[in-house]
């Protein structure tokens, strides 16, 4: 009884009596002039400005409306339901509201508190977080591969043609690398030697044409006649002093 009293204390309004139902819910027994889940509605409020008569035996209300009507209620559907609710008149000539799914109450004035709202929010947030995580991982992988590819562009790499190494080393660039210098002698043949009887220079065709009398150059130093004259001159011929 004490537990029931604590749960019912202050629950019913306007001198209503609170009782505990078998399912554990609280119910109010209202006086003849009040109604509602917690006895919060005055029955005479439906008469508006008209006179109100309440039958104390049955609890029925009779209204003498200002427009001359005598009815259980002077209420109409005009502006009765709020928040998008639709109004209809019942058999007792009382307006009733059909509320949208997110609203409740006699006039659709209360918002429904959804019990599934946290789970619904979680079903939205979890996929978004997973998507953001995947995008972050993809961005890190892309950045790492790009960095590694850029670093390889400045590394010294050997040039090969099949099985033969054709690398030409440049010590100026290799000095910046951390590894030990390659053995240059290993690139040469063990039997390699310089022949003293063979020339070690080479002729550039452009300058050879210029100084050896090529027909294609107009700056040639000797014509064909000059060559013949010089070749016909013997060793005993004296060369005149160019300063004379």
Foldseek 3Di string as FASTA:
>chain_A
DVVQCVVCPPQAPDPWDWDADPVGDIATHEALQFDDRRRPHGQCVQLPPFDWDADRVPSQIWTCHPVRDIASGPDDQVPQAPDPWDWDQDPRRDIATDEPPQFDDRRRPHGDDDPCVVVVVCVVVVVVVVVVVVVVVVVVVVVVVVVVVVVVVLDDDWDDDVPQTPGDDDCVSVVPDDDDDDDPVVNDDPPDDDDPVDDPDDDDVVVCCQAVPNPVDPNYPDDPVRVVVVVPDDPVDDDDDPVD
